[in-house]
Amino acid sequence: MPASYNFACLTFAGWTKQSFIQKLNSGSSSINKKYDSMRYFGKNINLFLNNLMVCYTDDGPDDAPVIIFIHGFPLNKSMWNRQLTALKQHYRVIAYDVRGHGESESGDSSTFSIDNFAHDLVYFMDALKIDRASLCGLSMGGYIALNAVENYPHRFDSLVLCDTSCFPDTPETIEKRMKIVESIENNGLVRYADTSVKSLFAPQSLTTKEVEIAAVKEMILTTTIQSLSKTLLALCVRKETCTLLPLIQVPVLVLVGEEDTITPPTTAKYMHENIKDSVLHVIKHAGHLSNLENSADFNKQLKTFFASVYKRQGTVPSEISTSFVEQLRDKLKSFVALLTI
């Protein structure tokens, strides 16, 4: 089966997903139950949730611990591709597009806020029948993760905060964001994309990470001006979460690029010092997008951290016995068997 095969847009043996469901509806309750629990694998899966289409990628074994990756601004879920590849053997890894970004719909623009983004995350987990997960959020993704942990603490196993902050925007930062809103609405996205990469990447990366820079520019250019503007406004008014830090009860890893000027190492150190038993690691040769600029070290830290988290909980990744390929094969057999009924 090709790696790009997407169960979410399945057409098999002449059956569309709709006709397949109709066939199931005429069958036994046990068959319906089996289909209802069927999980979609692949990239760019569309899920309609609260009248909003959310796009996500889902990979890894069924029975593995779940890790959900939340992208930064103004990016999308594809920024996590290397991390999904690195971890999918032992974990169920999910990356989704925050509303208005990537392939997810924006819905009502008045709903853009960090609070609502966090609610979206938990509704998304509910829809996928995920009771608990670990979160890995970078920049804006970290703001969302902290908000979610504050409001839904029982839903999360651990937290990775990457190149992010617990502090609210300063008046100077708010003014800067408002000028960006005015600029992109008057001048378009190309100039904004060119300017953004200069602050997102470390100086050295600007000459050595051509592929990554091109990918980031593409993410920016394919986001609507309305979504960018509304998200910038949401970032301006987000509340502080620093007072939350001492209350966090799950394991936390804090990662930051050594040359991050947006959320610098001093901010990461502050969060680390205020989160009990947290771990801090500075990623060398990286700016604000440390997962792209030094993926090898970033992924190494994730592997070490999550292995420790789930070993404590008695779920050791190496003990997951059923391979992902075998699970896919079993699911295809189930489809074939059901279609022959």
C-alpha atoms as a PDB file:
ATOM      1  CA  MET A   1       0.000   0.000   0.000  1.00  0.00           C
ATOM      2  CA  PRO A   2       1.478   3.406  -0.945  1.00  0.00           C
ATOM      3  CA  ALA A   3       2.610   5.544   1.982  1.00  0.00           C
ATOM      4  CA  SER A   4       0.363   8.384   0.824  1.00  0.00           C
ATOM      5  CA  TYR A   5      -2.807   6.277   1.040  1.00  0.00           C
ATOM      6  CA  ASN A   6      -5.432   8.197   3.006  1.00  0.00           C
ATOM      7  CA  PHE A   7      -8.257   6.339   4.732  1.00  0.00           C
ATOM      8  CA  ALA A   8     -10.156   9.606   5.109  1.00  0.00           C
ATOM      9  CA  CYS A   9     -10.861   9.725   1.397  1.00  0.00           C
ATOM     10  CA  LEU A  10     -11.243   5.995   0.911  1.00  0.00           C
ATOM     11  CA  THR A  11     -12.663   4.567  -2.292  1.00  0.00           C
ATOM     12  CA  PHE A  12     -12.310   0.800  -2.296  1.00  0.00           C
ATOM     13  CA  ALA A  13     -13.574  -1.816  -4.745  1.00  0.00           C
ATOM     14  CA  GLY A  14     -15.987   0.665  -6.310  1.00  0.00           C
ATOM     15  CA  TRP A  15     -17.429   1.798  -2.970  1.00  0.00           C
ATOM     16  CA  THR A  16     -17.335   5.385  -1.769  1.00  0.00           C
ATOM     17  CA  LYS A  17     -17.145   6.049   1.946  1.00  0.00           C
ATOM     18  CA  GLN A  18     -20.828   7.066   1.886  1.00  0.00           C
ATOM     19  CA  SER A  19     -21.986   3.859   0.227  1.00  0.00           C
ATOM     20  CA  PHE A  20     -19.753   1.882   2.567  1.00  0.00           C
ATOM     21  CA  ILE A  21     -21.443   3.449   5.586  1.00  0.00           C
ATOM     22  CA  GLN A  22     -24.855   2.689   4.083  1.00  0.00           C
ATOM     23  CA  LYS A  23     -23.854  -0.940   3.778  1.00  0.00           C
ATOM     24  CA  LEU A  24     -22.732  -0.963   7.388  1.00  0.00           C
ATOM     25  CA  ASN A  25     -25.979   0.627   8.510  1.00  0.00           C
ATOM     26  CA  SER A  26     -27.876  -2.309   7.070  1.00  0.00           C
ATOM     27  CA  GLY A  27     -25.668  -4.809   8.900  1.00  0.00           C
ATOM     28  CA  SER A  28     -25.309  -5.963  12.472  1.00  0.00           C
ATOM     29  CA  SER A  29     -24.576  -3.691  15.437  1.00  0.00           C
ATOM     30  CA  SER A  30     -21.235  -5.441  15.948  1.00  0.00           C
ATOM     31  CA  ILE A  31     -20.166  -4.443  12.445  1.00  0.00           C
ATOM     32  CA  ASN A  32     -21.259  -0.872  13.033  1.00  0.00           C
ATOM     33  CA  LYS A  33     -19.316  -0.794  16.282  1.00  0.00           C
ATOM     34  CA  LYS A  34     -16.223  -2.047  14.497  1.00  0.00           C
ATOM     35  CA  TYR A  35     -16.486   0.705  11.882  1.00  0.00           C
ATOM     36  CA  ASP A  36     -17.242   3.428  14.449  1.00  0.00           C
ATOM     37  CA  SER A  37     -13.964   2.652  16.210  1.00  0.00           C
ATOM     38  CA  MET A  38     -12.003   2.694  12.945  1.00  0.00           C
ATOM     39  CA  ARG A  39      -9.172   5.191  13.010  1.00  0.00           C
ATOM     40  CA  TYR A  40      -8.017   7.115   9.963  1.00  0.00           C
ATOM     41  CA  PHE A  41      -4.297   7.102   9.166  1.00  0.00           C
ATOM     42  CA  GLY A  42      -2.376   9.445   6.922  1.00  0.00           C
ATOM     43  CA  LYS A  43      -1.840  13.064   6.012  1.00  0.00           C
ATOM     44  CA  ASN A  44      -4.350  15.843   5.527  1.00  0.00           C
ATOM     45  CA  ILE A  45      -7.336  14.056   7.046  1.00  0.00           C
ATOM     46  CA  ASN A  46     -10.419  16.256   7.248  1.00  0.00           C
ATOM     47  CA  LEU A  47     -12.617  16.222  10.325  1.00  0.00           C
ATOM     48  CA  PHE A  48     -15.788  18.308  10.613  1.00  0.00           C
ATOM     49  CA  LEU A  49     -15.984  19.567  14.147  1.00  0.00           C
ATOM     50  CA  ASN A  50     -18.451  22.158  15.449  1.00  0.00           C
ATOM     51  CA  ASN A  51     -19.236  23.297  11.887  1.00  0.00           C
ATOM     52  CA  LEU A  52     -15.526  23.713  11.232  1.00  0.00           C
ATOM     53  CA  MET A  53     -13.314  21.567   9.029  1.00  0.00           C
ATOM     54  CA  VAL A  54     -10.090  20.669  10.853  1.00  0.00           C
ATOM     55  CA  CYS A  55      -7.214  19.127   8.933  1.00  0.00           C
ATOM     56  CA  TYR A  56      -4.731  16.827  10.634  1.00  0.00           C
ATOM     57  CA  THR A  57      -2.118  14.108  10.198  1.00  0.00           C
ATOM     58  CA  ASP A  58      -2.283  10.903  12.253  1.00  0.00           C
ATOM     59  CA  ASP A  59       0.427   8.236  12.307  1.00  0.00           C
ATOM     60  CA  GLY A  60       1.866   5.531  14.547  1.00  0.00           C
ATOM     61  CA  PRO A  61       0.469   2.460  16.374  1.00  0.00           C
ATOM     62  CA  ASP A  62      -3.078   2.371  17.761  1.00  0.00           C
ATOM     63  CA  ASP A  63      -2.109   1.286  21.249  1.00  0.00           C
ATOM     64  CA  ALA A  64       0.793   3.708  21.684  1.00  0.00           C
ATOM     65  CA  PRO A  65       0.872   6.840  23.856  1.00  0.00           C
ATOM     66  CA  VAL A  66      -0.507   9.860  21.992  1.00  0.00           C
ATOM     67  CA  ILE A  67       1.553  12.979  21.270  1.00  0.00           C
ATOM     68  CA  ILE A  68      -0.185  15.998  19.734  1.00  0.00           C
ATOM     69  CA  PHE A  69       1.927  18.671  18.049  1.00  0.00           C
ATOM     70  CA  ILE A  70       0.697  22.282  17.889  1.00  0.00           C
ATOM     71  CA  HIS A  71       2.346  24.557  15.361  1.00  0.00           C
ATOM     72  CA  GLY A  72       3.510  28.127  15.747  1.00  0.00           C
ATOM     73  CA  PHE A  73       2.384  31.318  14.011  1.00  0.00           C
ATOM     74  CA  PRO A  74       2.181  31.911  11.065  1.00  0.00           C
ATOM     75  CA  LEU A  75       2.829  28.285  10.166  1.00  0.00           C
ATOM     76  CA  ASN A  76       0.926  25.005   9.909  1.00  0.00           C
ATOM     77  CA  LYS A  77       1.152  21.332  10.878  1.00  0.00           C
ATOM     78  CA  SER A  78       3.740  20.523   8.186  1.00  0.00           C
ATOM     79  CA  MET A  79       6.408  22.185  10.337  1.00  0.00           C
ATOM     80  CA  TRP A  80       6.307  18.996  12.456  1.00  0.00           C
ATOM     81  CA  ASN A  81       6.942  16.484   9.648  1.00  0.00           C
ATOM     82  CA  ARG A  82      10.420  15.560  10.875  1.00  0.00           C
ATOM     83  CA  GLN A  83       9.220  15.048  14.422  1.00  0.00           C
ATOM     84  CA  LEU A  84       6.330  12.829  13.303  1.00  0.00           C
ATOM     85  CA  THR A  85       8.724  10.704  11.272  1.00  0.00           C
ATOM     86  CA  ALA A  86      11.165  10.419  14.172  1.00  0.00           C
ATOM     87  CA  LEU A  87       8.562   9.348  16.744  1.00  0.00           C
ATOM     88  CA  LYS A  88       5.896   7.421  14.848  1.00  0.00           C
ATOM     89  CA  GLN A  89       7.440   4.000  15.412  1.00  0.00           C
ATOM     90  CA  HIS A  90       6.712   4.066  19.141  1.00  0.00           C
ATOM     91  CA  TYR A  91       4.006   6.726  19.540  1.00  0.00           C
ATOM     92  CA  ARG A  92       0.746   7.744  17.970  1.00  0.00           C
ATOM     93  CA  VAL A  93       1.698  11.152  16.619  1.00  0.00           C
ATOM     94  CA  ILE A  94      -0.813  13.772  15.543  1.00  0.00           C
ATOM     95  CA  ALA A  95      -0.284  17.240  14.109  1.00  0.00           C
ATOM     96  CA  TYR A  96      -3.225  19.461  13.243  1.00  0.00           C
ATOM     97  CA  ASP A  97      -3.807  22.854  11.672  1.00  0.00           C
ATOM     98  CA  VAL A  98      -5.082  25.452  14.122  1.00  0.00           C
ATOM     99  CA  ARG A  99      -8.249  27.115  12.814  1.00  0.00           C
ATOM    100  CA  GLY A 100      -7.495  29.493   9.950  1.00  0.00           C
ATOM    101  CA  HIS A 101      -4.077  27.951   9.294  1.00  0.00           C
ATOM    102  CA  GLY A 102      -2.944  25.331   6.821  1.00  0.00           C
ATOM    103  CA  GLU A 103      -5.944  23.397   5.545  1.00  0.00           C
ATOM    104  CA  SER A 104      -8.235  24.051   8.518  1.00  0.00           C
ATOM    105  CA  GLU A 105     -11.149  26.418   8.045  1.00  0.00           C
ATOM    106  CA  SER A 106     -11.230  29.674   9.972  1.00  0.00           C
ATOM    107  CA  GLY A 107     -14.929  29.754  10.781  1.00  0.00           C
ATOM    108  CA  ASP A 108     -16.166  32.929  12.414  1.00  0.00           C
ATOM    109  CA  SER A 109     -13.183  35.276  12.663  1.00  0.00           C
ATOM    110  CA  SER A 110     -14.505  36.610  15.972  1.00  0.00           C
ATOM    111  CA  THR A 111     -13.639  33.243  17.542  1.00  0.00           C
ATOM    112  CA  PHE A 112      -9.885  33.729  17.137  1.00  0.00           C
ATOM    113  CA  SER A 113      -8.402  33.650  20.630  1.00  0.00           C
ATOM    114  CA  ILE A 114      -5.942  31.490  22.530  1.00  0.00           C
ATOM    115  CA  ASP A 115      -8.815  30.387  24.774  1.00  0.00           C
ATOM    116  CA  ASN A 116     -10.829  29.169  21.794  1.00  0.00           C
ATOM    117  CA  PHE A 117      -7.791  27.571  20.179  1.00  0.00           C
ATOM    118  CA  ALA A 118      -7.332  25.552  23.386  1.00  0.00           C
ATOM    119  CA  HIS A 119     -11.020  24.582  23.427  1.00  0.00           C
ATOM    120  CA  ASP A 120     -10.659  23.517  19.778  1.00  0.00           C
ATOM    121  CA  LEU A 121      -7.808  21.226  20.793  1.00  0.00           C
ATOM    122  CA  VAL A 122      -9.843  19.453  23.454  1.00  0.00           C
ATOM    123  CA  TYR A 123     -12.899  19.138  21.179  1.00  0.00           C
ATOM    124  CA  PHE A 124     -10.548  17.648  18.591  1.00  0.00           C
ATOM    125  CA  MET A 125      -9.289  15.116  21.137  1.00  0.00           C
ATOM    126  CA  ASP A 126     -12.869  14.242  22.056  1.00  0.00           C
ATOM    127  CA  ALA A 127     -13.759  13.660  18.408  1.00  0.00           C
ATOM    128  CA  LEU A 128     -10.809  11.276  18.035  1.00  0.00           C
ATOM    129  CA  LYS A 129     -11.725   9.570  21.327  1.00  0.00           C
ATOM    130  CA  ILE A 130      -8.384  10.514  22.881  1.00  0.00           C
ATOM    131  CA  ASP A 131      -8.747  10.684  26.657  1.00  0.00           C
ATOM    132  CA  ARG A 132      -5.170  11.751  27.421  1.00  0.00           C
ATOM    133  CA  ALA A 133      -2.187  12.903  25.391  1.00  0.00           C
ATOM    134  CA  SER A 134       1.143  14.645  25.630  1.00  0.00           C
ATOM    135  CA  LEU A 135       1.399  18.071  24.012  1.00  0.00           C
ATOM    136  CA  CYS A 136       4.299  19.591  22.116  1.00  0.00           C
ATOM    137  CA  GLY A 137       3.753  23.234  21.209  1.00  0.00           C
ATOM    138  CA  LEU A 138       6.080  25.763  19.641  1.00  0.00           C
ATOM    139  CA  SER A 139       5.610  29.524  20.095  1.00  0.00           C
ATOM    140  CA  MET A 140       1.830  30.062  19.617  1.00  0.00           C
ATOM    141  CA  GLY A 141       1.489  26.307  20.019  1.00  0.00           C
ATOM    142  CA  GLY A 142       3.042  26.686  23.456  1.00  0.00           C
ATOM    143  CA  TYR A 143       0.515  29.388  24.376  1.00  0.00           C
ATOM    144  CA  ILE A 144      -2.292  27.016  23.369  1.00  0.00           C
ATOM    145  CA  ALA A 145      -0.736  24.100  25.259  1.00  0.00           C
ATOM    146  CA  LEU A 146      -0.357  26.118  28.480  1.00  0.00           C
ATOM    147  CA  ASN A 147      -3.939  27.328  28.213  1.00  0.00           C
ATOM    148  CA  ALA A 148      -5.191  23.769  27.636  1.00  0.00           C
ATOM    149  CA  VAL A 149      -3.231  22.396  30.592  1.00  0.00           C
ATOM    150  CA  GLU A 150      -4.625  25.167  32.790  1.00  0.00           C
ATOM    151  CA  ASN A 151      -8.247  24.497  31.829  1.00  0.00           C
ATOM    152  CA  TYR A 152      -8.143  20.735  31.229  1.00  0.00           C
ATOM    153  CA  PRO A 153      -5.301  19.432  33.440  1.00  0.00           C
ATOM    154  CA  HIS A 154      -6.700  15.884  33.615  1.00  0.00           C
ATOM    155  CA  ARG A 155      -6.386  15.427  29.848  1.00  0.00           C
ATOM    156  CA  PHE A 156      -2.614  15.577  29.520  1.00  0.00           C
ATOM    157  CA  ASP A 157       0.307  13.282  30.352  1.00  0.00           C
ATOM    158  CA  SER A 158       3.176  15.688  29.745  1.00  0.00           C
ATOM    159  CA  LEU A 159       4.094  18.963  28.103  1.00  0.00           C
ATOM    160  CA  VAL A 160       6.878  20.133  25.779  1.00  0.00           C
ATOM    161  CA  LEU A 161       7.178  23.909  25.548  1.00  0.00           C
ATOM    162  CA  CYS A 162       9.326  24.985  22.606  1.00  0.00           C
ATOM    163  CA  ASP A 163      10.486  28.533  21.911  1.00  0.00           C
ATOM    164  CA  THR A 164       7.497  29.983  23.713  1.00  0.00           C
ATOM    165  CA  SER A 165       6.605  32.204  26.670  1.00  0.00           C
ATOM    166  CA  CYS A 166       4.243  32.490  29.617  1.00  0.00           C
ATOM    167  CA  PHE A 167       4.368  36.296  29.538  1.00  0.00           C
ATOM    168  CA  PRO A 168       1.707  38.475  27.884  1.00  0.00           C
ATOM    169  CA  ASP A 169       2.652  40.837  25.098  1.00  0.00           C
ATOM    170  CA  THR A 170       4.343  44.040  26.197  1.00  0.00           C
ATOM    171  CA  PRO A 171       2.941  47.351  24.892  1.00  0.00           C
ATOM    172  CA  GLU A 172       5.897  47.495  22.493  1.00  0.00           C
ATOM    173  CA  THR A 173       5.142  44.023  21.143  1.00  0.00           C
ATOM    174  CA  ILE A 174       1.454  44.855  20.742  1.00  0.00           C
ATOM    175  CA  GLU A 175       2.346  47.986  18.796  1.00  0.00           C
ATOM    176  CA  LYS A 176       4.655  45.945  16.585  1.00  0.00           C
ATOM    177  CA  ARG A 177       1.957  43.361  15.898  1.00  0.00           C
ATOM    178  CA  MET A 178      -0.560  46.066  14.990  1.00  0.00           C
ATOM    179  CA  LYS A 179       1.899  47.533  12.507  1.00  0.00           C
ATOM    180  CA  ILE A 180       2.297  44.070  10.962  1.00  0.00           C
ATOM    181  CA  VAL A 181      -1.489  43.781  10.603  1.00  0.00           C
ATOM    182  CA  GLU A 182      -1.568  47.148   8.831  1.00  0.00           C
ATOM    183  CA  SER A 183       1.363  46.190   6.623  1.00  0.00           C
ATOM    184  CA  ILE A 184       0.009  42.840   5.416  1.00  0.00           C
ATOM    185  CA  GLU A 185      -3.432  44.332   4.775  1.00  0.00           C
ATOM    186  CA  ASN A 186      -1.906  47.152   2.720  1.00  0.00           C
ATOM    187  CA  ASN A 187       1.100  45.456   1.121  1.00  0.00           C
ATOM    188  CA  GLY A 188       0.230  41.759   0.944  1.00  0.00           C
ATOM    189  CA  LEU A 189       2.087  38.711   2.181  1.00  0.00           C
ATOM    190  CA  VAL A 190       5.307  38.534   0.166  1.00  0.00           C
ATOM    191  CA  ARG A 191       7.034  41.339   2.042  1.00  0.00           C
ATOM    192  CA  TYR A 192       5.771  39.951   5.349  1.00  0.00           C
ATOM    193  CA  ALA A 193       7.101  36.469   4.530  1.00  0.00           C
ATOM    194  CA  ASP A 194      10.513  37.841   3.584  1.00  0.00           C
ATOM    195  CA  THR A 195      10.701  39.884   6.780  1.00  0.00           C
ATOM    196  CA  SER A 196       9.434  37.100   9.032  1.00  0.00           C
ATOM    197  CA  VAL A 197      12.074  34.533   8.167  1.00  0.00           C
ATOM    198  CA  LYS A 198      14.798  36.963   9.210  1.00  0.00           C
ATOM    199  CA  SER A 199      13.473  36.950  12.768  1.00  0.00           C
ATOM    200  CA  LEU A 200      12.318  33.324  12.875  1.00  0.00           C
ATOM    201  CA  PHE A 201      15.665  31.805  11.883  1.00  0.00           C
ATOM    202  CA  ALA A 202      19.105  32.193  13.429  1.00  0.00           C
ATOM    203  CA  PRO A 203      21.558  34.260  11.326  1.00  0.00           C
ATOM    204  CA  GLN A 204      23.538  31.175  10.369  1.00  0.00           C
ATOM    205  CA  SER A 205      20.375  29.360   9.293  1.00  0.00           C
ATOM    206  CA  LEU A 206      19.579  32.119   6.802  1.00  0.00           C
ATOM    207  CA  THR A 207      22.502  30.904   4.688  1.00  0.00           C
ATOM    208  CA  THR A 208      22.403  27.165   5.440  1.00  0.00           C
ATOM    209  CA  LYS A 209      18.693  26.263   5.694  1.00  0.00           C
ATOM    210  CA  GLU A 210      17.394  27.151   2.243  1.00  0.00           C
ATOM    211  CA  VAL A 211      14.888  24.289   2.116  1.00  0.00           C
ATOM    212  CA  GLU A 212      13.451  25.120   5.533  1.00  0.00           C
ATOM    213  CA  ILE A 213      13.232  28.825   4.734  1.00  0.00           C
ATOM    214  CA  ALA A 214      11.407  28.117   1.486  1.00  0.00           C
ATOM    215  CA  ALA A 215       8.972  25.849   3.333  1.00  0.00           C
ATOM    216  CA  VAL A 216       8.252  28.483   5.972  1.00  0.00           C
ATOM    217  CA  LYS A 217       7.665  31.154   3.339  1.00  0.00           C
ATOM    218  CA  GLU A 218       5.231  28.848   1.580  1.00  0.00           C
ATOM    219  CA  MET A 219       3.316  28.280   4.822  1.00  0.00           C
ATOM    220  CA  ILE A 220       3.000  32.029   5.316  1.00  0.00           C
ATOM    221  CA  LEU A 221       2.000  32.763   1.724  1.00  0.00           C
ATOM    222  CA  THR A 222      -0.753  30.133   1.776  1.00  0.00           C
ATOM    223  CA  THR A 223      -2.379  31.571   4.913  1.00  0.00           C
ATOM    224  CA  THR A 224      -5.114  34.137   4.315  1.00  0.00           C
ATOM    225  CA  ILE A 225      -4.553  37.743   5.259  1.00  0.00           C
ATOM    226  CA  GLN A 226      -7.699  37.617   7.400  1.00  0.00           C
ATOM    227  CA  SER A 227      -6.421  34.621   9.407  1.00  0.00           C
ATOM    228  CA  LEU A 228      -3.023  36.220   9.908  1.00  0.00           C
ATOM    229  CA  SER A 229      -4.558  39.496  11.063  1.00  0.00           C
ATOM    230  CA  LYS A 230      -7.068  37.860  13.410  1.00  0.00           C
ATOM    231  CA  THR A 231      -4.408  35.610  14.921  1.00  0.00           C
ATOM    232  CA  LEU A 232      -2.058  38.533  15.503  1.00  0.00           C
ATOM    233  CA  LEU A 233      -4.858  40.302  17.350  1.00  0.00           C
ATOM    234  CA  ALA A 234      -5.492  37.155  19.404  1.00  0.00           C
ATOM    235  CA  LEU A 235      -1.821  37.016  20.370  1.00  0.00           C
ATOM    236  CA  CYS A 236      -1.954  40.659  21.472  1.00  0.00           C
ATOM    237  CA  VAL A 237      -4.717  40.083  23.996  1.00  0.00           C
ATOM    238  CA  ARG A 238      -3.733  36.680  25.348  1.00  0.00           C
ATOM    239  CA  LYS A 239      -3.439  36.427  29.118  1.00  0.00           C
ATOM    240  CA  GLU A 240      -0.286  35.572  31.027  1.00  0.00           C
ATOM    241  CA  THR A 241       0.217  31.980  32.169  1.00  0.00           C
ATOM    242  CA  CYS A 242       3.271  32.502  34.383  1.00  0.00           C
ATOM    243  CA  THR A 243       1.161  32.149  37.532  1.00  0.00           C
ATOM    244  CA  LEU A 244       0.107  28.729  36.243  1.00  0.00           C
ATOM    245  CA  LEU A 245       3.632  27.331  36.052  1.00  0.00           C
ATOM    246  CA  PRO A 246       4.050  26.275  39.736  1.00  0.00           C
ATOM    247  CA  LEU A 247       0.690  24.482  39.527  1.00  0.00           C
ATOM    248  CA  ILE A 248       1.585  22.201  36.620  1.00  0.00           C
ATOM    249  CA  GLN A 249       1.542  18.595  37.804  1.00  0.00           C
ATOM    250  CA  VAL A 250       2.797  16.782  34.689  1.00  0.00           C
ATOM    251  CA  PRO A 251       6.379  16.331  33.425  1.00  0.00           C
ATOM    252  CA  VAL A 252       7.568  19.300  31.364  1.00  0.00           C
ATOM    253  CA  LEU A 253      10.415  19.706  28.890  1.00  0.00           C
ATOM    254  CA  VAL A 254      11.395  23.260  27.906  1.00  0.00           C
ATOM    255  CA  LEU A 255      13.276  23.621  24.620  1.00  0.00           C
ATOM    256  CA  VAL A 256      14.652  26.834  23.152  1.00  0.00           C
ATOM    257  CA  GLY A 257      16.930  27.801  20.309  1.00  0.00           C
ATOM    258  CA  GLU A 258      20.215  29.254  21.514  1.00  0.00           C
ATOM    259  CA  GLU A 259      19.763  32.224  19.167  1.00  0.00           C
ATOM    260  CA  ASP A 260      16.015  32.705  19.563  1.00  0.00           C
ATOM    261  CA  THR A 261      15.396  36.457  19.768  1.00  0.00           C
ATOM    262  CA  ILE A 262      11.576  36.231  19.863  1.00  0.00           C
ATOM    263  CA  THR A 263      11.296  34.047  22.975  1.00  0.00           C
ATOM    264  CA  PRO A 264      14.923  34.003  24.157  1.00  0.00           C
ATOM    265  CA  PRO A 265      16.662  31.471  26.423  1.00  0.00           C
ATOM    266  CA  THR A 266      16.170  33.786  29.405  1.00  0.00           C
ATOM    267  CA  THR A 267      12.404  33.326  29.033  1.00  0.00           C
ATOM    268  CA  ALA A 268      12.798  29.566  28.751  1.00  0.00           C
ATOM    269  CA  LYS A 269      14.971  29.578  31.873  1.00  0.00           C
ATOM    270  CA  TYR A 270      12.313  31.518  33.780  1.00  0.00           C
ATOM    271  CA  MET A 271       9.648  28.959  32.874  1.00  0.00           C
ATOM    272  CA  HIS A 272      11.954  26.082  33.773  1.00  0.00           C
ATOM    273  CA  GLU A 273      12.748  27.584  37.167  1.00  0.00           C
ATOM    274  CA  ASN A 274       9.037  27.994  37.940  1.00  0.00           C
ATOM    275  CA  ILE A 275       7.882  24.533  36.840  1.00  0.00           C
ATOM    276  CA  LYS A 276       8.731  21.897  39.414  1.00  0.00           C
ATOM    277  CA  ASP A 277      11.055  19.142  38.162  1.00  0.00           C
ATOM    278  CA  SER A 278      11.000  20.464  34.599  1.00  0.00           C
ATOM    279  CA  VAL A 279      13.876  19.885  32.192  1.00  0.00           C
ATOM    280  CA  LEU A 280      15.503  22.681  30.174  1.00  0.00           C
ATOM    281  CA  HIS A 281      17.568  22.130  27.059  1.00  0.00           C
ATOM    282  CA  VAL A 282      19.031  24.803  24.794  1.00  0.00           C
ATOM    283  CA  ILE A 283      19.199  23.833  21.109  1.00  0.00           C
ATOM    284  CA  LYS A 284      22.439  25.027  19.556  1.00  0.00           C
ATOM    285  CA  HIS A 285      22.626  26.506  16.063  1.00  0.00           C
ATOM    286  CA  ALA A 286      18.938  27.421  16.161  1.00  0.00           C
ATOM    287  CA  GLY A 287      16.706  30.454  16.456  1.00  0.00           C
ATOM    288  CA  HIS A 288      12.934  30.527  17.009  1.00  0.00           C
ATOM    289  CA  LEU A 289      12.242  27.457  14.848  1.00  0.00           C
ATOM    290  CA  SER A 290      14.527  25.072  16.685  1.00  0.00           C
ATOM    291  CA  ASN A 291      12.689  21.962  15.480  1.00  0.00           C
ATOM    292  CA  LEU A 292      13.519  22.869  11.875  1.00  0.00           C
ATOM    293  CA  GLU A 293      16.962  24.378  12.363  1.00  0.00           C
ATOM    294  CA  ASN A 294      18.457  21.561  14.442  1.00  0.00           C
ATOM    295  CA  SER A 295      16.054  18.657  14.038  1.00  0.00           C
ATOM    296  CA  ALA A 296      18.593  16.056  15.151  1.00  0.00           C
ATOM    297  CA  ASP A 297      19.082  17.512  18.625  1.00  0.00           C
ATOM    298  CA  PHE A 298      15.423  18.509  18.935  1.00  0.00           C
ATOM    299  CA  ASN A 299      14.234  14.984  18.123  1.00  0.00           C
ATOM    300  CA  LYS A 300      16.804  13.439  20.450  1.00  0.00           C
ATOM    301  CA  GLN A 301      15.446  15.506  23.329  1.00  0.00           C
ATOM    302  CA  LEU A 302      11.861  14.494  22.522  1.00  0.00           C
ATOM    303  CA  LYS A 303      12.729  10.806  22.400  1.00  0.00           C
ATOM    304  CA  THR A 304      14.554  10.929  25.727  1.00  0.00           C
ATOM    305  CA  PHE A 305      11.801  12.916  27.417  1.00  0.00           C
ATOM    306  CA  PHE A 306       8.835  10.868  26.211  1.00  0.00           C
ATOM    307  CA  ALA A 307      10.604   7.587  26.975  1.00  0.00           C
ATOM    308  CA  SER A 308      11.046   8.825  30.541  1.00  0.00           C
ATOM    309  CA  VAL A 309       7.429  10.017  30.811  1.00  0.00           C
ATOM    310  CA  TYR A 310       5.857   6.790  29.680  1.00  0.00           C
ATOM    311  CA  LYS A 311       8.321   4.562  31.492  1.00  0.00           C
ATOM    312  CA  ARG A 312       7.135   6.203  34.726  1.00  0.00           C
ATOM    313  CA  GLN A 313       3.562   5.476  33.729  1.00  0.00           C
ATOM    314  CA  GLY A 314       4.322   1.871  32.874  1.00  0.00           C
ATOM    315  CA  THR A 315       3.915   2.313  29.122  1.00  0.00           C
ATOM    316  CA  VAL A 316       7.339   1.636  27.660  1.00  0.00           C
ATOM    317  CA  PRO A 317       7.430   2.354  23.886  1.00  0.00           C
ATOM    318  CA  SER A 318       9.695  -0.616  23.153  1.00  0.00           C
ATOM    319  CA  GLU A 319       7.048  -2.920  24.576  1.00  0.00           C
ATOM    320  CA  ILE A 320       4.462  -1.991  21.936  1.00  0.00           C
ATOM    321  CA  SER A 321       4.256  -5.330  20.184  1.00  0.00           C
ATOM    322  CA  THR A 322       1.983  -4.774  17.193  1.00  0.00           C
ATOM    323  CA  SER A 323       3.736  -2.966  14.394  1.00  0.00           C
ATOM    324  CA  PHE A 324       2.079  -0.109  12.568  1.00  0.00           C
ATOM    325  CA  VAL A 325       2.287  -1.973   9.243  1.00  0.00           C
ATOM    326  CA  GLU A 326       0.539  -5.000  10.744  1.00  0.00           C
ATOM    327  CA  GLN A 327      -2.240  -2.789  12.067  1.00  0.00           C
ATOM    328  CA  LEU A 328      -2.759  -1.246   8.642  1.00  0.00           C
ATOM    329  CA  ARG A 329      -2.913  -4.705   7.105  1.00  0.00           C
ATOM    330  CA  ASP A 330      -5.504  -5.816   9.656  1.00  0.00           C
ATOM    331  CA  LYS A 331      -7.636  -2.742   8.974  1.00  0.00           C
ATOM    332  CA  LEU A 332      -7.592  -3.391   5.225  1.00  0.00           C
ATOM    333  CA  LYS A 333      -8.649  -6.978   5.842  1.00  0.00           C
ATOM    334  CA  SER A 334     -11.541  -5.665   7.939  1.00  0.00           C
ATOM    335  CA  PHE A 335     -12.626  -3.362   5.125  1.00  0.00           C
ATOM    336  CA  VAL A 336     -12.542  -6.201   2.592  1.00  0.00           C
ATOM    337  CA  ALA A 337     -14.486  -8.513   4.890  1.00  0.00           C
ATOM    338  CA  LEU A 338     -17.163  -5.908   5.556  1.00  0.00           C
ATOM    339  CA  LEU A 339     -17.571  -5.031   1.895  1.00  0.00           C
ATOM    340  CA  THR A 340     -18.228  -8.664   1.004  1.00  0.00           C
ATOM    341  CA  ILE A 341     -21.151  -8.917   3.436  1.00  0.00           C
END
